[in-house]
Protein backbone atom coordinates (compact mmCIF):
# COMPACT_ATOMS: atom_id res chain seq x y z
CA UNK A 1 63.84 77.31 120.06
CA UNK A 2 65.05 80.81 119.27
CA UNK A 3 68.67 81.78 119.89
CA UNK A 4 70.58 85.06 120.10
CA UNK A 5 71.77 84.48 116.54
CA UNK A 6 68.24 83.84 115.24
CA UNK A 7 67.04 86.99 117.00
CA UNK A 8 69.73 89.03 115.24
CA UNK A 9 68.89 87.37 111.91
CA UNK A 10 65.26 88.37 112.42
CA UNK A 11 66.30 91.99 112.94
CA UNK A 12 68.32 91.93 109.71
CA UNK A 13 65.34 90.39 107.87
CA UNK A 14 62.92 93.07 109.14
CA UNK A 15 65.30 95.87 108.17
CA UNK A 16 65.64 94.34 104.70
CA UNK A 17 61.86 94.04 104.35
CA UNK A 18 61.60 97.75 105.17
CA UNK A 19 63.99 98.55 102.32
CA UNK A 20 67.18 99.03 104.30
CA UNK A 21 70.59 97.39 103.96
CA UNK A 22 71.68 95.36 106.99
CA UNK A 23 74.48 92.92 107.84
CA UNK A 24 76.16 91.20 110.76
CA UNK A 25 79.27 93.22 111.60
CA UNK A 26 82.47 93.11 113.62
CA UNK A 27 83.54 90.42 116.03
CA UNK A 28 80.71 88.00 115.32
CA UNK A 29 81.81 87.75 111.67
CA UNK A 30 85.42 87.15 112.74
CA UNK A 31 84.37 84.41 115.17
CA UNK A 32 82.08 82.67 112.67
CA UNK A 33 84.93 82.55 110.16
CA UNK A 34 87.17 81.07 112.89
CA UNK A 35 84.58 78.40 113.62
CA UNK A 36 83.74 79.88 117.03
CA UNK A 37 80.30 80.64 118.39
CA UNK A 38 80.06 84.42 118.93
CA UNK A 39 78.90 85.72 122.29
CA UNK A 40 77.02 88.56 120.63
CA UNK A 41 75.75 89.46 117.19
CA UNK A 42 75.96 93.10 116.12
CA UNK A 43 74.05 94.53 113.17
CA UNK A 44 75.17 97.38 110.90
CA UNK A 45 72.62 99.11 108.70
CA UNK A 46 71.95 102.20 106.62
CA UNK A 47 68.73 102.76 108.59
CA UNK A 48 68.96 105.89 110.73
CA UNK A 49 68.49 105.55 114.49
CA UNK A 50 65.00 107.08 114.44
CA UNK A 51 63.93 104.48 111.86
CA UNK A 52 65.31 101.64 114.00
CA UNK A 53 63.58 103.05 117.09
CA UNK A 54 60.30 103.23 115.19
CA UNK A 55 60.52 99.69 113.79
CA UNK A 56 61.16 97.79 117.00
CA UNK A 57 58.92 98.21 120.06
CA UNK A 58 61.58 97.54 122.70
CA UNK A 59 64.57 99.67 121.82
CA UNK A 60 67.06 101.66 123.86
CA UNK A 61 68.94 104.57 122.33
CA UNK A 62 72.14 104.04 124.33
CA UNK A 63 74.20 105.97 121.80
CA UNK A 64 71.77 107.30 119.22
CA UNK A 65 73.98 110.33 118.53
CA UNK A 66 76.63 107.78 117.46
CA UNK A 67 74.00 105.76 115.63
CA UNK A 68 73.81 102.93 118.18
CA UNK A 69 70.49 101.45 119.29
CA UNK A 70 69.90 98.32 121.40
CA UNK A 71 67.01 96.13 120.28
CA UNK A 72 65.64 93.91 123.03
CA UNK A 73 63.55 90.84 122.22
CA UNK A 74 62.32 88.04 124.45
CA UNK A 75 60.55 84.71 124.13
CA UNK A 76 60.10 81.56 126.17
CA UNK A 77 63.82 80.72 125.86
CA UNK A 78 65.15 84.01 127.17
CA UNK A 79 65.84 87.65 126.38
CA UNK A 80 68.20 88.78 123.62
CA UNK A 81 69.78 92.18 123.13
CA UNK A 82 71.24 93.09 119.74
CA UNK A 83 73.25 96.23 119.02
CA UNK A 84 72.11 97.90 115.81
CA UNK A 85 74.46 100.61 114.50
CA UNK A 86 73.92 102.96 111.59
CA UNK A 87 76.65 103.15 108.94
CA UNK A 88 78.71 106.21 109.73
CA UNK A 89 81.86 108.21 109.15
CA UNK A 90 83.54 109.53 112.29
CA UNK A 91 84.82 113.06 112.78
CA UNK A 92 87.73 114.11 114.98
CA UNK A 93 88.47 112.37 118.30
CA UNK A 94 89.39 115.19 120.69
CA UNK A 95 89.32 113.04 123.83
CA UNK A 96 91.30 110.15 122.33
CA UNK A 97 88.39 107.74 122.81
CA UNK A 98 85.17 108.95 121.15
CA UNK A 99 84.42 110.91 117.99
CA UNK A 100 83.30 114.51 118.57
CA UNK A 101 80.60 114.01 115.97
CA UNK A 102 79.55 111.42 113.40
CA UNK A 103 78.07 111.65 109.94
CA UNK A 104 75.62 108.92 109.05
CA UNK A 105 76.30 107.16 105.78
CA UNK A 106 74.55 104.97 103.25
CA UNK A 107 77.81 103.15 102.45
CA UNK A 108 78.78 99.92 104.17
CA UNK A 109 82.32 100.30 102.85
CA UNK A 110 82.67 103.79 104.34
CA UNK A 111 81.45 102.46 107.70
CA UNK A 112 83.91 99.56 107.69
CA UNK A 113 86.92 101.74 106.95
CA UNK A 114 86.52 103.76 110.15
CA UNK A 115 86.73 100.56 112.30
CA UNK A 116 89.80 99.31 114.17
CA UNK A 117 91.31 96.11 112.69
CA UNK A 118 90.86 94.25 109.43
CA UNK A 119 89.82 91.04 111.20
CA UNK A 120 87.01 93.05 112.86
CA UNK A 121 86.08 94.95 109.71
CA UNK A 122 84.16 92.31 107.78
CA UNK A 123 80.42 92.14 107.18
CA UNK A 124 78.24 89.07 106.72
CA UNK A 125 74.84 88.60 105.15
CA UNK A 126 73.09 86.11 107.46
CA UNK A 127 70.19 85.62 105.08
CA UNK A 128 72.51 84.52 102.26
CA UNK A 129 74.30 82.21 104.69
CA UNK A 130 71.05 80.68 105.86
CA UNK A 131 69.80 80.15 102.30
CA UNK A 132 73.03 78.84 100.73
CA UNK A 133 75.18 77.65 103.62
CA UNK A 134 78.09 79.27 101.76
CA UNK A 135 80.13 81.32 104.22
CA UNK A 136 82.37 82.73 101.49
CA UNK A 137 79.38 84.01 99.52
CA UNK A 138 77.91 85.65 102.62
CA UNK A 139 81.00 87.69 103.62
CA UNK A 140 81.68 91.24 102.45
CA UNK A 141 85.31 92.21 102.91
CA UNK A 142 86.47 95.69 101.92
CA UNK A 143 89.65 95.71 104.02
CA UNK A 144 91.42 92.37 103.49
CA UNK A 145 90.20 90.85 106.73
CA UNK A 146 89.88 87.33 105.30
CA UNK A 147 93.54 87.29 104.26
CA UNK A 148 94.72 88.54 107.65
CA UNK A 149 92.46 86.13 109.51
CA UNK A 150 93.91 83.21 107.53
CA UNK A 151 97.46 84.48 108.06
CA UNK A 152 96.89 85.12 111.78
CA UNK A 153 97.63 88.85 111.66
CA UNK A 154 96.19 91.78 113.61
CA UNK A 155 96.44 94.78 111.29
CA UNK A 156 94.93 98.25 111.74
CA UNK A 157 92.58 99.40 109.01
CA UNK A 158 94.21 102.17 107.01
CA UNK A 159 96.89 104.18 108.79
CA UNK A 160 97.56 102.50 112.13
CA UNK A 161 98.79 105.68 113.77
CA UNK A 162 95.59 107.49 112.77
CA UNK A 163 93.46 104.66 114.14
CA UNK A 164 95.31 104.78 117.47
CA UNK A 165 95.33 108.57 117.65
CA UNK A 166 91.55 108.43 117.24
CA UNK A 167 90.97 105.87 119.99
CA UNK A 168 93.88 105.00 122.29
CA UNK A 169 92.09 101.95 123.68
CA UNK A 170 92.59 100.25 120.31
CA UNK A 171 96.26 99.69 121.21
CA UNK A 172 95.30 97.47 124.14
CA UNK A 173 92.67 95.73 122.02
CA UNK A 174 95.32 94.89 119.42
CA UNK A 175 97.35 93.14 122.09
CA UNK A 176 94.33 91.31 123.48
CA UNK A 177 93.16 90.03 120.09
CA UNK A 178 96.68 88.90 119.14
CA UNK A 179 97.06 87.03 122.43
CA UNK A 180 93.58 85.52 122.40
CA UNK A 181 93.90 84.05 118.90
CA UNK A 182 97.64 83.42 118.86
CA UNK A 183 98.11 85.99 116.10
CA UNK A 184 101.00 88.32 115.30
CA UNK A 185 100.57 92.08 115.33
CA UNK A 186 101.55 93.44 111.90
CA UNK A 187 104.81 95.44 112.05
CA UNK A 188 103.35 98.84 111.04
CA UNK A 189 100.68 98.41 113.70
CA UNK A 190 103.36 97.62 116.30
CA UNK A 191 105.37 100.65 115.22
CA UNK A 192 102.32 102.90 115.53
CA UNK A 193 101.63 101.49 119.01
CA UNK A 194 105.15 102.38 120.14
CA UNK A 195 104.70 105.92 118.82
CA UNK A 196 101.31 106.49 120.46
CA UNK A 197 101.77 104.37 123.63
CA UNK A 198 102.61 107.36 125.84
CA UNK A 199 99.08 108.70 125.21
CA UNK A 200 97.30 105.67 126.67
CA UNK A 201 96.66 107.75 129.79
CA UNK A 202 93.78 109.42 127.92
CA UNK A 203 91.81 106.20 128.33
CA UNK A 204 89.84 105.90 131.56
CA UNK A 205 91.45 103.76 134.24
CA UNK A 206 88.33 101.58 134.34
CA UNK A 207 88.63 100.70 130.65
CA UNK A 208 92.35 99.96 131.01
CA UNK A 209 91.57 97.70 133.96
CA UNK A 210 88.89 95.92 131.95
CA UNK A 211 91.20 95.25 129.01
CA UNK A 212 94.04 94.03 131.24
CA UNK A 213 91.68 91.75 133.16
CA UNK A 214 90.47 90.22 129.92
CA UNK A 215 94.06 89.60 128.88
CA UNK A 216 94.72 87.86 132.20
CA UNK A 217 91.60 85.68 132.13
CA UNK A 218 91.27 84.58 128.49
CA UNK A 219 93.85 81.81 128.76
CA UNK A 220 96.78 83.55 127.03
CA UNK A 221 98.02 85.83 129.81
CA UNK A 222 101.73 85.29 129.22
CA UNK A 223 101.46 86.04 125.52
CA UNK A 224 99.43 89.18 126.26
CA UNK A 225 101.95 90.59 128.72
CA UNK A 226 104.90 89.83 126.49
CA UNK A 227 103.13 91.77 123.73
CA UNK A 228 102.40 94.62 126.14
CA UNK A 229 106.13 94.68 126.86
CA UNK A 230 107.29 94.64 123.23
CA UNK A 231 104.82 97.36 122.23
CA UNK A 232 106.01 99.52 125.20
CA UNK A 233 102.45 99.69 126.54
CA UNK A 234 103.41 97.82 129.72
CA UNK A 235 105.68 100.58 131.01
CA UNK A 236 102.80 103.00 130.49
CA UNK A 237 99.95 101.06 132.14
CA UNK A 238 101.84 98.90 134.67
CA UNK A 239 105.40 100.19 135.12
CA UNK A 240 105.67 98.27 138.39
CA UNK A 241 105.37 95.01 136.43
CA UNK A 242 107.79 96.19 133.74
CA UNK A 243 110.39 96.80 136.47
CA UNK A 244 110.50 93.03 137.15
CA UNK A 245 112.45 92.47 133.94
CA UNK A 246 116.13 91.82 134.68
CA UNK A 247 115.74 91.58 138.46
CA UNK A 248 117.86 88.54 139.35
CA UNK A 249 116.75 85.85 141.78
CA UNK A 250 118.83 83.36 143.80
CA UNK A 251 119.32 80.40 141.43
CA UNK A 252 119.18 77.90 144.29
CA UNK A 253 115.53 78.85 144.79
CA UNK A 254 114.62 80.13 141.33
CA UNK A 255 116.45 78.21 138.60
CA UNK A 256 113.93 79.52 136.07
CA UNK A 257 115.48 82.99 135.98
CA UNK A 258 114.65 86.55 136.96
CA UNK A 259 111.43 87.92 138.49
CA UNK A 260 109.96 88.69 135.06
CA UNK A 261 110.53 85.15 133.76
CA UNK A 262 109.11 83.66 136.95
CA UNK A 263 106.00 85.82 136.65
CA UNK A 264 105.57 85.00 132.97
CA UNK A 265 105.80 81.27 133.74
CA UNK A 266 103.11 81.75 136.36
CA UNK A 267 100.84 83.68 133.99
CA UNK A 268 101.28 80.86 131.49
CA UNK A 269 99.53 78.58 133.97
CA UNK A 270 96.48 80.79 134.51
CA UNK A 271 93.49 78.88 133.14
CA UNK A 272 90.97 80.55 130.86
CA UNK A 273 88.01 82.02 132.75
CA UNK A 274 89.86 82.05 136.07
CA UNK A 275 88.70 84.66 138.57
CA UNK A 276 90.04 88.20 138.08
CA UNK A 277 91.29 88.25 141.67
CA UNK A 278 93.38 85.10 141.20
CA UNK A 279 94.73 86.47 137.91
CA UNK A 280 95.78 89.79 139.41
CA UNK A 281 97.17 88.06 142.50
CA UNK A 282 99.33 85.95 140.19
CA UNK A 283 100.54 88.98 138.25
CA UNK A 284 101.39 91.03 141.35
CA UNK A 285 102.46 88.39 143.89
CA UNK A 286 106.15 89.36 143.53
CA UNK A 287 105.67 93.03 142.65
CA UNK A 288 107.65 93.99 145.76
CA UNK A 289 110.84 92.24 144.66
CA UNK A 290 112.38 94.94 142.42
CA UNK A 291 112.20 97.47 145.26
CA UNK A 292 113.73 95.08 147.84
CA UNK A 293 116.48 93.46 145.75
CA UNK A 294 119.71 93.11 147.74
CA UNK A 295 122.86 91.18 146.90
CA UNK A 296 123.93 89.81 150.32
CA UNK A 297 127.20 87.92 150.96
CA UNK A 298 125.41 84.56 150.96
CA UNK A 299 122.84 85.12 148.21
CA UNK A 300 120.39 87.52 146.59
CA UNK A 301 117.72 88.58 149.07
CA UNK A 302 114.35 90.34 148.94
CA UNK A 303 113.84 91.27 152.58
CA UNK A 304 110.27 92.37 153.27
CA UNK A 305 109.19 91.96 149.66
CA UNK A 306 105.75 90.71 150.68
CA UNK A 307 104.97 93.76 152.82
CA UNK A 308 106.39 96.14 150.21
CA UNK A 309 104.51 94.27 147.49
CA UNK A 310 101.21 94.69 149.31
CA UNK A 311 101.75 98.45 149.49
CA UNK A 312 102.73 98.71 145.83
CA UNK A 313 99.82 96.52 144.73
CA UNK A 314 97.37 98.57 146.77
CA UNK A 315 98.44 101.70 144.89
CA UNK A 316 98.07 99.90 141.54
CA UNK A 317 94.60 98.62 142.41
CA UNK A 318 93.48 102.06 143.59
CA UNK A 319 94.87 103.62 140.42
CA UNK A 320 92.91 101.16 138.28
CA UNK A 321 89.71 101.69 140.29
CA UNK A 322 89.25 98.15 141.57
CA UNK A 323 86.36 97.59 143.96
CA UNK A 324 87.17 97.35 147.67
CA UNK A 325 86.14 93.68 147.67
CA UNK A 326 88.45 92.78 144.77
CA UNK A 327 91.27 94.85 146.24
CA UNK A 328 90.98 93.08 149.58
CA UNK A 329 91.17 89.61 148.02
CA UNK A 330 94.10 90.43 145.73
CA UNK A 331 96.08 91.95 148.61
CA UNK A 332 95.36 88.88 150.77
CA UNK A 333 96.72 86.65 148.02
CA UNK A 334 99.94 88.67 147.88
CA UNK A 335 100.22 88.98 151.66
CA UNK A 336 99.87 85.24 152.29
CA UNK A 337 101.58 83.63 149.31
CA UNK A 338 104.81 82.90 151.22
CA UNK A 339 103.06 81.27 154.19
CA UNK A 340 102.77 77.91 152.45
CA UNK A 341 106.46 77.35 153.23
CA UNK A 342 105.50 76.90 156.90
CA UNK A 343 102.39 74.72 156.60
CA UNK A 344 104.17 71.57 157.85
CA UNK A 345 105.26 73.41 161.01
CA UNK A 346 101.97 75.20 161.74
CA UNK A 347 100.01 74.36 164.87
CA UNK A 348 96.49 73.12 164.18
CA UNK A 349 95.09 76.44 165.35
CA UNK A 350 97.34 78.39 162.97
CA UNK A 351 96.57 76.07 160.08
CA UNK A 352 92.82 76.33 160.64
CA UNK A 353 93.03 80.11 160.84
CA UNK A 354 94.99 80.03 157.58
CA UNK A 355 92.15 78.07 155.99
CA UNK A 356 89.71 80.79 157.06
CA UNK A 357 91.14 83.21 154.49
CA UNK A 358 88.39 84.21 152.04
CA UNK A 359 88.36 82.02 148.93
CA UNK A 360 91.18 79.85 150.24
CA UNK A 361 91.01 77.80 147.03
CA UNK A 362 92.54 80.81 145.25
CA UNK A 363 95.45 80.83 147.71
CA UNK A 364 96.00 77.15 146.97
CA UNK A 365 95.85 77.76 143.21
CA UNK A 366 98.32 80.65 143.41
CA UNK A 367 100.78 78.64 145.50
CA UNK A 368 100.59 75.69 143.11
CA UNK A 369 101.36 77.91 140.10
CA UNK A 370 104.09 79.69 142.08
CA UNK A 371 105.76 76.38 142.98
CA UNK A 372 105.48 74.97 139.46
CA UNK A 373 107.08 78.15 138.12
CA UNK A 374 110.26 77.63 140.14
CA UNK A 375 111.52 74.23 141.39
CA UNK A 376 108.21 72.48 140.85
CA UNK A 377 108.11 71.05 144.39
CA UNK A 378 104.47 70.53 145.43
CA UNK A 379 104.85 68.91 148.86
CA UNK A 380 103.57 71.99 150.71
CA UNK A 381 100.70 72.37 148.27
CA UNK A 382 99.65 68.73 148.57
CA UNK A 383 99.83 68.86 152.37
CA UNK A 384 97.80 72.08 152.61
CA UNK A 385 95.26 70.87 150.06
CA UNK A 386 94.74 67.50 151.77
CA UNK A 387 94.31 69.15 155.19
CA UNK A 388 91.96 71.78 153.79
CA UNK A 389 89.78 69.14 152.18
CA UNK A 390 89.90 66.78 155.17
CA UNK A 391 89.08 69.16 158.03
CA UNK A 392 85.31 69.78 158.28
CA UNK A 393 84.12 73.35 158.07
CA UNK A 394 82.69 73.19 161.59
CA UNK A 395 86.18 72.47 162.89
CA UNK A 396 87.72 75.34 160.93
CA UNK A 397 85.06 77.80 162.09
CA UNK A 398 83.57 76.23 165.23
CA UNK A 399 81.11 77.92 167.53
CA UNK A 400 83.32 79.47 170.19
CA UNK A 401 83.35 77.81 173.58
CA UNK A 402 84.40 81.04 175.33
CA UNK A 403 83.01 84.46 174.38
CA UNK A 404 83.45 87.98 175.68
CA UNK A 405 80.20 87.64 177.61
CA UNK A 406 81.58 84.54 179.33
CA UNK A 407 84.61 86.54 180.46
CA UNK A 408 82.42 89.31 181.89
CA UNK A 409 80.25 86.80 183.70
CA UNK A 410 83.44 85.24 185.10
CA UNK A 411 84.34 88.61 186.66
CA UNK A 412 86.80 90.06 184.14
CA UNK A 413 86.46 93.71 183.14
CA UNK A 414 86.52 94.47 179.40
CA UNK A 415 89.91 95.76 178.30
CA UNK A 416 92.92 95.25 176.04
CA UNK A 417 93.62 91.77 177.49
CA UNK A 418 90.23 90.43 176.37
CA UNK A 419 91.54 89.78 172.86
CA UNK A 420 94.50 87.78 174.20
CA UNK A 421 92.23 85.74 176.49
CA UNK A 422 89.77 84.91 173.74
CA UNK A 423 92.59 84.03 171.31
CA UNK A 424 94.13 81.69 173.91
CA UNK A 425 90.83 79.89 174.40
CA UNK A 426 90.12 79.71 170.67
CA UNK A 427 93.59 78.33 169.87
CA UNK A 428 93.11 75.64 172.54
CA UNK A 429 89.70 74.80 171.11
CA UNK A 430 91.04 74.58 167.53
CA UNK A 431 93.83 72.28 168.76
CA UNK A 432 91.43 70.07 170.69
CA UNK A 433 92.93 70.88 174.11
CA UNK A 434 89.61 72.06 175.55
CA UNK A 435 86.11 70.84 174.93
CA UNK A 436 83.90 73.02 177.08
CA UNK A 437 83.33 76.56 178.33
CA UNK A 438 84.50 75.60 181.79
CA UNK A 439 87.78 74.17 180.50
CA UNK A 440 88.36 77.31 178.49
CA UNK A 441 87.76 79.59 181.49
CA UNK A 442 90.07 77.44 183.63
CA UNK A 443 92.81 77.79 181.02
CA UNK A 444 92.35 81.57 180.99
CA UNK A 445 92.41 81.82 184.80
CA UNK A 446 95.68 79.93 184.92
CA UNK A 447 97.32 81.97 182.15
CA UNK A 448 96.07 85.34 183.40
CA UNK A 449 96.22 84.77 187.16
CA UNK A 450 97.51 88.29 187.74
CA UNK A 451 94.18 89.82 186.57
């Protein structure tokens, strides 16, 4: 049964048979050396793009002017896409993201030295590995990547400031790799990040959003955001989150510390591969607190922080080009995260309407992390969770006993009071006080006798 790796090995073998040099390159080499199965296998070669296009029948020149071709192969086990890139030397980067022009090269070493980090700058000969099983013999390392990988260090190749001036996104990638693998960012690389951080705005908002979302959902969110803070990138990409640092909270409710510490504790609890909406809801659930901080006579207060937080978060999500669907869910998480404090006092109708929130399991997850990041009291969570799991869906969203058509047939004229009438009947139905259309209409007649 063929795999993605075997497909990529076959591409290397065919390039070699045609007289070209070819290796696995980049992240797949790093992951193999770490004992992880790579998600993708990229190939680097001295073959020019036109030669690659000619050799493989199903190719897509997605970036042929940069030397990048996608080779697509399929068999009975699936379809595999491998990126094949020609060795190159990059020119100037006027836009801070992409080289203005590239010069193709015959040198693997020259190609490696224009890449971002040493741990991503190694090459591997898959044919040697397959024949000998010797990983050390199969790796080509011109930049000291093996040493840094063993030491757990993210280090820019060459001059870190030059690498970041070329492509500003590399600064965020340094943070993400360090957080993902539990590595340290080498001091000169940190220093260069602090110098260049103010230029991160040259990167598209979509790419910034993508990198931040990966940081939040790879299982090391707290570490990632602490690194964003220490490299000064946080105040550039999410100043509203940076403002949480040092904002005191009432110790009787938040013994863990200020808003920043509370948020970091919550991010620490985000599981790997959680949904992006839950992750962003967790990050921004208290984003309204810095703007509403007030030291009252009795205690520190954050009056209206939920409403203010929703407005601030909406601006952030628009700035980062989130979809309307994602924006809606994240804002609902922020808007409703304080409601769990009232679940024991809610009427059945209110509780069931609460459960109707889209993806209510995310609201539960956010509240649990929120509670565990302060006093750790889970009574409200357990109560809400048990009710949510116990009440059948048909009772949470029942077919309505009284509709607008029923009101018209009963002689009422459509108008502003219709909504109140229907809500009254629906609440009674959700609470089990009525069981038929007739009982619902009788309740409405009694409550709205003046109409």
